[in-house]
N, C-alpha and C. Protein backbone atom coordinates (compact mmCIF):
# COMPACT_ATOMS: atom_id res chain seq x y z
N UNK A 1 3.99 -4.55 -15.46
CA UNK A 1 3.41 -3.21 -14.58
C UNK A 1 3.24 -2.16 -15.26
N UNK A 2 3.99 -1.77 -16.67
CA UNK A 2 3.50 -0.92 -17.41
C UNK A 2 2.22 -1.39 -18.25
N UNK A 3 1.68 -2.02 -18.24
CA UNK A 3 0.79 -2.67 -19.12
C UNK A 3 -0.60 -2.06 -18.38
N UNK A 4 -1.92 -1.57 -19.08
CA UNK A 4 -2.86 -0.74 -18.38
C UNK A 4 -3.63 -1.77 -17.57
N UNK A 5 -3.97 -3.23 -18.06
CA UNK A 5 -4.69 -4.03 -17.46
C UNK A 5 -4.44 -4.45 -16.60
N UNK A 6 -2.93 -4.20 -15.87
CA UNK A 6 -2.35 -4.60 -14.35
C UNK A 6 -3.06 -3.09 -13.50
N UNK A 7 -2.59 -2.13 -14.24
CA UNK A 7 -3.51 -0.80 -13.85
C UNK A 7 -4.84 -0.46 -13.25
N UNK A 8 -5.35 -1.20 -14.51
CA UNK A 8 -7.11 -1.01 -13.92
C UNK A 8 -7.63 -2.15 -13.19
N UNK A 9 -6.64 -3.58 -12.95
CA UNK A 9 -7.34 -3.81 -12.19
C UNK A 9 -7.01 -4.10 -10.69
N UNK A 10 -5.68 -3.48 -10.55
CA UNK A 10 -5.61 -2.79 -9.20
C UNK A 10 -6.15 -2.00 -8.89
N UNK A 11 -7.26 -1.15 -9.49
CA UNK A 11 -7.26 0.33 -9.07
C UNK A 11 -9.15 -0.49 -8.87
N UNK A 12 -9.87 -1.24 -9.89
CA UNK A 12 -11.01 -2.24 -9.53
C UNK A 12 -10.46 -2.64 -8.29
N UNK A 13 -9.51 -3.55 -7.89
CA UNK A 13 -9.37 -4.24 -6.35
C UNK A 13 -9.88 -3.13 -5.87
N UNK A 14 -9.21 -1.78 -5.70
CA UNK A 14 -9.11 -1.20 -4.44
C UNK A 14 -10.16 0.02 -4.86
N UNK A 15 -10.95 -0.47 -5.74
CA UNK A 15 -12.36 0.53 -5.91
C UNK A 15 -13.57 -0.30 -5.25
N UNK A 16 -13.54 -1.58 -5.34
CA UNK A 16 -14.63 -2.40 -5.34
C UNK A 16 -14.20 -2.87 -3.49
N UNK A 17 -12.74 -2.61 -2.94
CA UNK A 17 -12.19 -3.48 -2.01
C UNK A 17 -12.39 -4.73 -1.77
N UNK A 18 -12.14 -5.41 -2.89
CA UNK A 18 -11.76 -6.42 -2.80
C UNK A 18 -10.93 -7.90 -2.06
N UNK A 19 -11.05 -8.98 -1.85
CA UNK A 19 -10.24 -9.58 -1.13
C UNK A 19 -9.03 -10.10 -1.52
N UNK A 20 -8.13 -9.28 -2.18
CA UNK A 20 -7.25 -9.96 -3.30
C UNK A 20 -5.69 -9.67 -3.14
N UNK A 21 -4.83 -10.50 -2.91
CA UNK A 21 -3.05 -10.30 -3.17
C UNK A 21 -2.57 -10.49 -4.12
N UNK A 22 -2.28 -8.96 -4.81
CA UNK A 22 -1.01 -9.41 -5.95
C UNK A 22 0.12 -9.29 -5.38
N UNK A 23 1.09 -9.92 -6.05
CA UNK A 23 2.05 -10.19 -6.51
C UNK A 23 3.29 -9.92 -7.10
N UNK A 24 4.17 -9.11 -7.55
CA UNK A 24 4.67 -9.08 -8.59
C UNK A 24 6.52 -9.71 -7.97
N UNK A 25 7.11 -10.77 -9.20
CA UNK A 25 8.76 -10.72 -8.49
C UNK A 25 9.15 -9.98 -9.51
N UNK A 26 9.37 -9.24 -8.72
CA UNK A 26 10.60 -7.66 -9.57
C UNK A 26 11.65 -8.16 -10.03
N UNK A 27 11.80 -8.75 -10.90
CA UNK A 27 13.09 -9.89 -11.34
C UNK A 27 13.80 -8.41 -12.15
N UNK A 28 14.33 -7.33 -11.97
CA UNK A 28 14.84 -6.14 -12.55
C UNK A 28 14.78 -5.82 -14.51
N UNK A 29 13.54 -6.92 -14.84
CA UNK A 29 13.66 -6.66 -16.17
C UNK A 29 12.09 -6.49 -16.59
N UNK A 30 11.82 -5.59 -17.73
CA UNK A 30 10.55 -5.87 -18.15
C UNK A 30 10.86 -6.91 -19.26
N UNK A 31 10.11 -7.49 -20.18
CA UNK A 31 10.37 -8.68 -21.22
C UNK A 31 11.81 -8.37 -20.75
N UNK A 32 12.19 -7.63 -21.87
CA UNK A 32 13.81 -7.61 -22.16
C UNK A 32 14.60 -6.58 -21.76
N UNK A 33 13.97 -5.79 -21.66
CA UNK A 33 14.50 -4.38 -21.20
C UNK A 33 14.66 -4.31 -19.64
N UNK A 34 15.73 -3.73 -19.08
CA UNK A 34 15.97 -3.35 -17.89
C UNK A 34 14.95 -2.52 -16.92
N UNK A 35 14.41 -2.56 -15.68
CA UNK A 35 13.64 -2.00 -15.57
C UNK A 35 13.84 -0.83 -15.02
N UNK A 36 14.87 -0.07 -14.85
CA UNK A 36 14.96 1.13 -14.83
C UNK A 36 15.38 2.17 -16.11
N UNK A 37 15.22 1.18 -16.99
CA UNK A 37 14.82 1.72 -18.45
C UNK A 37 13.52 2.41 -18.61
N UNK A 38 12.42 2.08 -18.26
CA UNK A 38 11.15 1.83 -18.47
C UNK A 38 10.74 2.23 -17.13
N UNK A 39 11.03 2.54 -15.65
CA UNK A 39 10.11 2.44 -14.92
C UNK A 39 11.01 3.98 -13.78
N UNK A 40 10.36 5.10 -13.49
CA UNK A 40 10.91 6.18 -13.02
C UNK A 40 11.08 5.47 -11.31
N UNK A 41 9.83 5.37 -10.77
CA UNK A 41 9.94 4.97 -9.15
C UNK A 41 10.99 3.31 -8.99
N UNK A 42 11.81 4.13 -7.65
CA UNK A 42 12.48 2.98 -7.13
C UNK A 42 11.25 1.43 -6.90
N UNK A 43 10.36 1.38 -6.18
CA UNK A 43 9.67 0.87 -5.90
C UNK A 43 8.48 0.25 -6.80
N UNK A 44 7.88 -0.85 -6.96
CA UNK A 44 6.54 -0.39 -7.48
C UNK A 44 5.46 -0.42 -6.69
N UNK A 45 6.18 -0.49 -5.62
CA UNK A 45 5.19 -0.56 -3.90
C UNK A 45 4.88 0.75 -3.67
N UNK A 46 5.45 1.74 -4.33
CA UNK A 46 5.08 3.27 -4.34
C UNK A 46 4.09 3.10 -5.29
N UNK A 47 3.68 2.91 -6.70
CA UNK A 47 3.27 3.10 -7.37
C UNK A 47 1.74 2.73 -7.13
N UNK A 48 1.93 1.35 -6.71
CA UNK A 48 0.11 0.54 -6.33
C UNK A 48 -0.03 1.65 -5.18
N UNK A 49 0.66 1.56 -4.37
CA UNK A 49 -0.38 2.61 -3.22
C UNK A 49 -0.80 3.62 -2.78
N UNK A 50 -1.03 4.21 -4.40
CA UNK A 50 -1.45 5.64 -5.04
C UNK A 50 -2.42 5.21 -5.33
N UNK A 51 -3.42 3.74 -5.19
CA UNK A 51 -4.53 3.04 -5.57
C UNK A 51 -4.81 2.59 -4.19
N UNK A 52 -4.73 3.13 -3.51
CA UNK A 52 -5.31 3.65 -1.74
C UNK A 52 -5.25 1.82 -0.92
N UNK A 53 -4.04 1.10 -1.48
CA UNK A 53 -3.79 0.08 -1.13
C UNK A 53 -2.63 -0.33 -0.48
N UNK A 54 -3.02 -1.63 0.17
CA UNK A 54 -1.37 -1.36 1.27
C UNK A 54 -0.77 -2.31 0.10
N UNK A 55 0.58 -1.79 0.45
CA UNK A 55 1.49 -2.44 -0.56
C UNK A 55 2.81 -2.45 0.10
N UNK A 56 3.89 -3.54 -0.35
CA UNK A 56 4.97 -3.59 -0.01
C UNK A 56 6.02 -4.54 -0.34
N UNK A 57 7.28 -3.50 -0.08
CA UNK A 57 8.67 -4.75 -0.78
C UNK A 57 9.68 -4.98 -0.20
N UNK A 58 9.43 -6.13 -0.67
CA UNK A 58 10.24 -7.36 0.60
C UNK A 58 11.43 -8.29 -0.15
N UNK A 59 12.40 -8.49 0.27
CA UNK A 59 13.67 -9.72 0.25
C UNK A 59 12.88 -10.65 -0.95
N UNK A 60 12.71 -11.03 -2.24
CA UNK A 60 11.95 -12.25 -3.02
C UNK A 60 12.67 -13.18 -2.73
N UNK A 61 14.21 -13.34 -2.20
CA UNK A 61 15.23 -14.04 -2.01
C UNK A 61 15.04 -15.03 -0.41
N UNK A 62 14.60 -14.07 0.81
CA UNK A 62 13.59 -14.64 2.04
C UNK A 62 12.95 -15.11 2.17
N UNK A 63 12.80 -16.09 2.88
CA UNK A 63 11.65 -17.11 2.58
C UNK A 63 10.76 -16.30 4.02
N UNK A 64 11.75 -15.95 5.01
CA UNK A 64 11.11 -15.70 5.92
C UNK A 64 10.18 -14.09 5.92
N UNK A 65 11.41 -12.98 5.13
CA UNK A 65 10.08 -11.61 4.66
C UNK A 65 8.92 -12.52 3.84
N UNK A 66 9.27 -13.44 2.99
CA UNK A 66 7.95 -13.63 2.29
C UNK A 66 6.62 -14.08 2.99
N UNK A 67 6.84 -15.09 3.69
CA UNK A 67 6.57 -15.63 5.09
C UNK A 67 5.41 -14.30 5.34
N UNK A 68 6.23 -13.36 6.10
CA UNK A 68 5.48 -12.36 7.12
C UNK A 68 4.57 -11.56 6.09
N UNK A 69 5.30 -11.40 4.91
CA UNK A 69 4.16 -10.66 3.62
C UNK A 69 3.45 -10.97 3.49
N UNK A 70 3.31 -11.88 3.08
CA UNK A 70 2.24 -12.40 2.51
C UNK A 70 0.98 -12.99 4.17
N UNK A 71 1.84 -13.42 4.58
CA UNK A 71 0.73 -13.82 6.15
C UNK A 71 -0.27 -12.30 6.27
N UNK A 72 0.66 -11.36 5.91
CA UNK A 72 -0.32 -9.62 6.46
C UNK A 72 -1.12 -9.53 5.46
N UNK A 73 -0.58 -9.43 4.57
CA UNK A 73 -1.77 -9.42 3.50
C UNK A 73 -2.72 -10.09 3.02
N UNK A 74 -2.54 -11.44 2.94
CA UNK A 74 -3.82 -12.38 3.09
C UNK A 74 -4.42 -12.07 4.10
N UNK A 75 -3.86 -12.10 5.46
CA UNK A 75 -4.86 -11.75 6.53
C UNK A 75 -5.91 -10.46 6.47
N UNK A 76 -5.18 -9.37 5.79
CA UNK A 76 -5.68 -8.65 5.60
C UNK A 76 -6.80 -9.07 4.71
N UNK A 77 -6.74 -9.44 3.48
CA UNK A 77 -7.87 -9.01 2.72
C UNK A 77 -8.80 -10.53 3.19
N UNK A 78 -8.49 -11.55 4.21
CA UNK A 78 -9.80 -12.04 4.39
C UNK A 78 -10.47 -11.65 5.38
N UNK A 79 -9.54 -10.56 6.06
CA UNK A 79 -10.35 -10.30 7.13
C UNK A 79 -11.07 -8.76 6.79
N UNK A 80 -11.32 -8.57 5.43
CA UNK A 80 -12.45 -7.64 5.64
C UNK A 80 -11.61 -6.26 5.18
N UNK A 81 -10.48 -6.04 4.63
CA UNK A 81 -9.20 -5.08 4.89
C UNK A 81 -9.13 -4.61 3.72
N UNK A 82 -9.45 -5.25 2.55
CA UNK A 82 -9.47 -5.44 1.03
C UNK A 82 -7.51 -5.61 0.40
N UNK A 83 -7.90 -5.30 -0.71
CA UNK A 83 -6.71 -6.03 -1.41
C UNK A 83 -5.16 -5.28 -1.06
N UNK A 84 -4.68 -5.94 -1.48
CA UNK A 84 -2.81 -5.71 -0.69
C UNK A 84 -2.13 -6.55 -1.93
N UNK A 85 -0.69 -5.64 -1.79
CA UNK A 85 -0.15 -6.41 -3.08
C UNK A 85 1.75 -6.25 -2.29
N UNK A 86 2.25 -7.28 -3.12
CA UNK A 86 3.57 -7.39 -2.34
C UNK A 86 4.86 -7.56 -3.71
N UNK A 87 5.34 -6.90 -3.75
CA UNK A 87 6.45 -6.93 -4.70
C UNK A 87 7.85 -7.45 -4.22
N UNK A 88 8.37 -9.03 -4.39
CA UNK A 88 9.04 -9.66 -4.42
C UNK A 88 10.79 -9.15 -5.12
N UNK A 89 11.17 -8.46 -4.53
CA UNK A 89 12.51 -8.29 -5.44
C UNK A 89 13.11 -9.62 -5.31
N UNK A 90 14.07 -10.02 -6.52
CA UNK A 90 14.20 -11.25 -6.38
C UNK A 90 14.69 -11.51 -7.84
N UNK A 91 15.94 -11.93 -8.59
CA UNK A 91 16.24 -11.80 -9.51
C UNK A 91 16.14 -12.63 -11.06
N UNK A 92 15.86 -12.42 -11.75
CA UNK A 92 15.55 -13.33 -12.57
C UNK A 92 16.12 -14.25 -13.23
N UNK A 93 16.00 -15.35 -13.17
CA UNK A 93 16.73 -16.66 -13.57
C UNK A 93 17.13 -17.04 -14.37
N UNK A 94 16.08 -16.82 -15.45
CA UNK A 94 16.09 -17.74 -17.12
C UNK A 94 15.31 -16.37 -17.70
N UNK A 95 15.34 -16.92 -19.11
CA UNK A 95 15.30 -16.13 -19.95
C UNK A 95 13.47 -15.08 -19.68
N UNK A 96 12.73 -14.86 -20.70
CA UNK A 96 11.47 -13.64 -20.45
C UNK A 96 10.26 -14.99 -20.06
N UNK A 97 10.61 -15.65 -21.28
CA UNK A 97 9.11 -16.74 -21.49
C UNK A 97 10.04 -17.86 -21.67
N UNK A 98 9.25 -19.17 -21.54
CA UNK A 98 9.60 -20.33 -21.33
C UNK A 98 10.47 -20.63 -22.71
N UNK A 99 11.52 -21.31 -22.48
CA UNK A 99 12.16 -21.69 -23.92
C UNK A 99 12.96 -20.52 -23.96
N UNK A 100 13.23 -19.38 -23.90
CA UNK A 100 13.59 -18.15 -24.02
C UNK A 100 15.07 -17.99 -23.92
N UNK A 101 15.54 -17.41 -24.52
CA UNK A 101 17.07 -17.02 -24.09
C UNK A 101 17.42 -16.09 -23.19
N UNK A 102 18.77 -15.46 -22.49
CA UNK A 102 19.09 -14.64 -21.65
C UNK A 102 19.83 -13.80 -22.15
N UNK A 103 20.02 -13.64 -23.73
CA UNK A 103 21.27 -12.73 -24.62
C UNK A 103 21.22 -11.52 -23.91
N UNK A 104 20.13 -10.98 -23.48
CA UNK A 104 20.49 -9.76 -22.84
C UNK A 104 20.75 -9.30 -21.30
N UNK A 105 20.97 -10.25 -21.03
CA UNK A 105 21.16 -10.77 -19.82
C UNK A 105 22.50 -10.68 -19.42
N UNK A 106 23.51 -9.90 -18.19
CA UNK A 106 24.70 -10.22 -18.35
C UNK A 106 25.71 -11.35 -17.67
N UNK A 107 26.18 -12.48 -18.20
CA UNK A 107 26.41 -13.21 -17.91
C UNK A 107 26.52 -13.81 -16.30
N UNK A 108 27.60 -12.65 -15.41
CA UNK A 108 27.63 -12.78 -14.63
C UNK A 108 26.57 -12.42 -13.66
N UNK A 109 26.34 -11.46 -13.77
CA UNK A 109 24.68 -11.49 -12.95
C UNK A 109 24.03 -12.57 -13.64
N UNK A 110 23.68 -12.97 -14.40
CA UNK A 110 22.96 -14.46 -13.80
C UNK A 110 23.23 -15.32 -13.25
N UNK A 111 24.66 -15.45 -13.76
CA UNK A 111 25.34 -16.74 -12.23
C UNK A 111 25.11 -16.03 -10.46
N UNK A 112 25.34 -14.73 -10.82
CA UNK A 112 25.10 -14.65 -9.20
C UNK A 112 24.45 -15.15 -8.78
N UNK A 113 22.97 -14.61 -9.92
CA UNK A 113 21.99 -14.97 -9.29
C UNK A 113 21.24 -15.99 -9.04
N UNK A 114 21.53 -17.25 -10.27
CA UNK A 114 21.31 -18.72 -10.07
C UNK A 114 22.56 -19.39 -9.09
N UNK A 115 23.21 -18.66 -8.67
CA UNK A 115 24.02 -19.11 -7.10
C UNK A 115 23.52 -19.25 -6.08
N UNK A 116 22.46 -17.89 -5.89
CA UNK A 116 21.88 -17.17 -4.78
C UNK A 116 20.23 -17.58 -4.80
N UNK A 117 20.01 -18.64 -5.71
CA UNK A 117 18.41 -19.17 -5.83
C UNK A 117 18.21 -19.86 -4.36
N UNK A 118 16.65 -19.07 -3.65
CA UNK A 118 16.86 -18.93 -2.15
C UNK A 118 16.05 -20.80 -2.57
N UNK A 119 15.79 -21.46 -2.48
CA UNK A 119 14.93 -22.81 -2.59
C UNK A 119 16.05 -23.75 -1.91
N UNK A 120 17.55 -23.57 -2.44
CA UNK A 120 18.63 -24.05 -1.84
C UNK A 120 18.67 -23.92 -0.67
N UNK A 121 19.04 -22.23 -0.45
CA UNK A 121 19.45 -21.66 0.49
C UNK A 121 18.95 -22.15 1.66
N UNK A 122 16.96 -21.69 1.43
CA UNK A 122 16.46 -22.22 2.57
C UNK A 122 16.56 -23.69 2.95
N UNK A 123 16.59 -24.80 1.93
CA UNK A 123 16.59 -26.25 2.34
C UNK A 123 17.79 -26.31 3.54
N UNK A 124 18.80 -25.27 2.95
CA UNK A 124 20.22 -25.61 4.02
C UNK A 124 19.93 -24.72 4.95
N UNK A 125 19.55 -24.12 5.39
CA UNK A 125 18.93 -23.51 7.24
C UNK A 125 18.56 -24.65 7.19
N UNK A 126 16.94 -25.38 6.98
CA UNK A 126 16.13 -26.29 7.42
C UNK A 126 17.24 -27.19 7.92
N UNK A 127 18.09 -27.84 7.14
CA UNK A 127 18.92 -29.26 7.30
C UNK A 127 20.06 -28.65 8.31
N UNK A 128 20.55 -27.35 8.56
CA UNK A 128 21.27 -26.77 9.42
C UNK A 128 20.58 -27.07 10.44
N UNK A 129 19.03 -26.63 11.05
CA UNK A 129 18.72 -26.34 11.97
C UNK A 129 17.74 -27.68 12.63
N UNK A 130 18.22 -28.83 11.47
CA UNK A 130 18.09 -30.13 12.02
C UNK A 130 17.04 -30.72 11.49
N UNK A 131 16.36 -29.88 10.63
CA UNK A 131 14.56 -30.46 10.40
C UNK A 131 14.43 -31.02 8.73
N UNK A 132 15.91 -31.38 8.20
CA UNK A 132 15.72 -31.78 6.93
C UNK A 132 14.90 -33.02 6.64
N UNK A 133 14.88 -33.91 7.38
CA UNK A 133 14.22 -34.79 6.98
C UNK A 133 12.32 -34.32 6.90
N UNK A 134 11.83 -33.36 8.15
CA UNK A 134 10.59 -32.94 7.60
C UNK A 134 10.67 -32.20 6.25
N UNK A 135 11.57 -31.52 5.93
CA UNK A 135 11.49 -31.38 4.19
C UNK A 135 11.70 -32.35 3.59
N UNK A 136 12.31 -33.31 3.71
CA UNK A 136 12.12 -34.25 2.86
C UNK A 136 10.62 -34.86 2.75
N UNK A 137 10.20 -34.89 3.50
CA UNK A 137 8.47 -35.52 3.81
C UNK A 137 7.62 -34.39 3.31
N UNK A 138 7.91 -33.46 3.44
CA UNK A 138 7.37 -31.88 3.20
C UNK A 138 7.10 -32.46 1.44
N UNK A 139 8.32 -31.99 1.09
CA UNK A 139 9.10 -32.18 -0.45
C UNK A 139 7.69 -33.86 -1.19
N UNK A 140 8.14 -34.77 -0.12
CA UNK A 140 7.76 -36.21 -0.95
C UNK A 140 5.72 -36.08 -1.03
N UNK A 141 5.12 -35.54 0.07
CA UNK A 141 3.93 -34.85 0.25
C UNK A 141 3.23 -34.05 -0.93
N UNK A 142 4.19 -32.52 -1.06
CA UNK A 142 3.98 -31.63 -2.32
C UNK A 142 3.80 -32.38 -3.52
N UNK A 143 4.98 -33.46 -4.00
CA UNK A 143 4.52 -33.66 -5.41
C UNK A 143 3.88 -35.01 -4.94
N UNK A 144 3.31 -35.74 -4.45
CA UNK A 144 2.52 -36.52 -4.54
C UNK A 144 0.85 -35.67 -4.53
N UNK A 145 0.89 -34.72 -4.09
CA UNK A 145 -0.67 -34.15 -3.78
C UNK A 145 -0.16 -33.17 -5.71
N UNK A 146 0.69 -33.19 -6.23
CA UNK A 146 1.00 -32.39 -7.64
C UNK A 146 0.65 -33.63 -8.63
N UNK A 147 1.13 -34.96 -8.26
CA UNK A 147 0.67 -35.78 -9.03
C UNK A 147 -0.58 -36.32 -8.89
N UNK A 148 -1.03 -36.27 -7.67
CA UNK A 148 -2.63 -36.43 -7.58
C UNK A 148 -3.76 -35.29 -8.35
N UNK A 149 -3.84 -34.03 -8.18
CA UNK A 149 -4.02 -33.16 -8.66
C UNK A 149 -4.63 -33.22 -10.21
N UNK A 150 -2.98 -33.64 -10.92
CA UNK A 150 -2.79 -33.64 -12.58
C UNK A 150 -3.67 -35.14 -12.84
N UNK A 151 -3.40 -36.18 -12.22
CA UNK A 151 -4.10 -37.34 -12.59
C UNK A 151 -5.71 -37.22 -12.21
N UNK A 152 -6.10 -36.35 -11.44
CA UNK A 152 -7.69 -35.67 -11.44
C UNK A 152 -7.69 -35.12 -12.68
N UNK A 153 -6.98 -33.73 -13.11
CA UNK A 153 -7.58 -33.11 -13.31
C UNK A 153 -7.41 -33.45 -15.32
N UNK A 154 -6.69 -34.30 -15.36
CA UNK A 154 -6.54 -35.10 -16.98
C UNK A 154 -7.43 -36.19 -16.74
N UNK A 155 -8.08 -37.13 -16.16
CA UNK A 155 -9.37 -38.20 -15.66
C UNK A 155 -10.80 -37.45 -15.96
N UNK A 156 -10.57 -35.79 -15.97
CA UNK A 156 -12.22 -35.04 -15.09
C UNK A 156 -12.34 -34.73 -16.75
N UNK A 157 -13.92 -34.83 -17.00
CA UNK A 157 -14.50 -34.48 -17.88
C UNK A 157 -14.00 -33.14 -18.88
N UNK A 158 -14.40 -32.64 -19.63
CA UNK A 158 -14.22 -31.76 -20.54
C UNK A 158 -15.56 -30.78 -19.97
N UNK A 159 -15.37 -29.50 -19.73
CA UNK A 159 -16.79 -29.10 -19.36
C UNK A 159 -17.65 -28.56 -20.74
N UNK A 160 -19.26 -28.88 -20.48
CA UNK A 160 -20.12 -28.28 -21.47
C UNK A 160 -19.33 -26.97 -21.82
N UNK A 161 -19.88 -26.65 -22.73
CA UNK A 161 -19.81 -25.53 -23.81
C UNK A 161 -20.85 -24.16 -23.32
N UNK A 162 -22.20 -24.76 -22.40
CA UNK A 162 -22.79 -23.36 -21.89
C UNK A 162 -22.27 -23.10 -20.66
N UNK A 163 -21.04 -23.81 -20.22
CA UNK A 163 -20.43 -23.46 -18.88
C UNK A 163 -19.22 -22.64 -18.68
N UNK A 164 -19.12 -22.23 -20.53
CA UNK A 164 -18.00 -21.05 -21.15
C UNK A 164 -18.45 -19.46 -20.15
N UNK A 165 -19.63 -19.12 -20.18
CA UNK A 165 -20.04 -18.17 -19.19
C UNK A 165 -20.02 -18.55 -18.01
N UNK A 166 -19.98 -19.58 -17.30
CA UNK A 166 -20.93 -19.22 -15.77
C UNK A 166 -19.93 -18.09 -15.13
N UNK A 167 -20.62 -17.58 -14.31
CA UNK A 167 -19.93 -16.76 -13.35
C UNK A 167 -19.10 -16.00 -14.20
N UNK A 168 -19.79 -15.42 -15.24
CA UNK A 168 -18.83 -14.34 -15.91
C UNK A 168 -19.62 -13.13 -15.68
N UNK A 169 -19.27 -11.74 -15.25
CA UNK A 169 -20.00 -10.66 -15.11
C UNK A 169 -20.77 -10.31 -16.60
N UNK A 170 -21.91 -10.37 -16.84
CA UNK A 170 -22.32 -9.56 -17.45
C UNK A 170 -22.57 -8.07 -17.89
N UNK A 171 -22.46 -7.30 -18.94
CA UNK A 171 -23.04 -5.75 -19.04
C UNK A 171 -22.50 -4.78 -18.13
C-alpha cells in the first residue's frame, strides 16, 4: 500500500469510475516491517477514501463481515457506482513471500494468529449449526472445479505471439 503503482491504480479507478473492487488484507506488515513503523494512518481505508471511492475496514477473520463488505462493494461496482476498497484486518500467518521465514515476527503473536485462523473457525461454526455435511459437499465440489480448471489450462494450447498486445491500450 505504500508503493506508487497502488496509488496510481486507486486514483485512475476513481477518476475513470471503473467497476473494480480492491482488497487489501492488512496483516500488520509491509514486507518485513511492522505497519506502524511505515504508515501513520490507523486505517488504510482512510487513505483510500481520499481518492473519492467507497472504502471500508472490516474484520478479516469474520466470514460474515467479509461477505457483507464484499457484497456491498461488488454491488456498487456492478451497479455503476464506481470502485470500492475493502481493508480486511487479518494477521499474517507466514513469511512475506512463499518459502520466506518468519524471523521478524514475534513467535507468540504468530502462534496466536495461526490459532485464530478463520477457515477452521468458520467450519466449526457450520458444523455447530448442523450444516457440516453441506460444507463437505462444497469443499469437494470446489476441489473438483479447481482440478478441472487446472487440467483445462494445462491442456490448452499456448497463445500466439500476436496475442500479446490483445486488449492492451496503446498511446
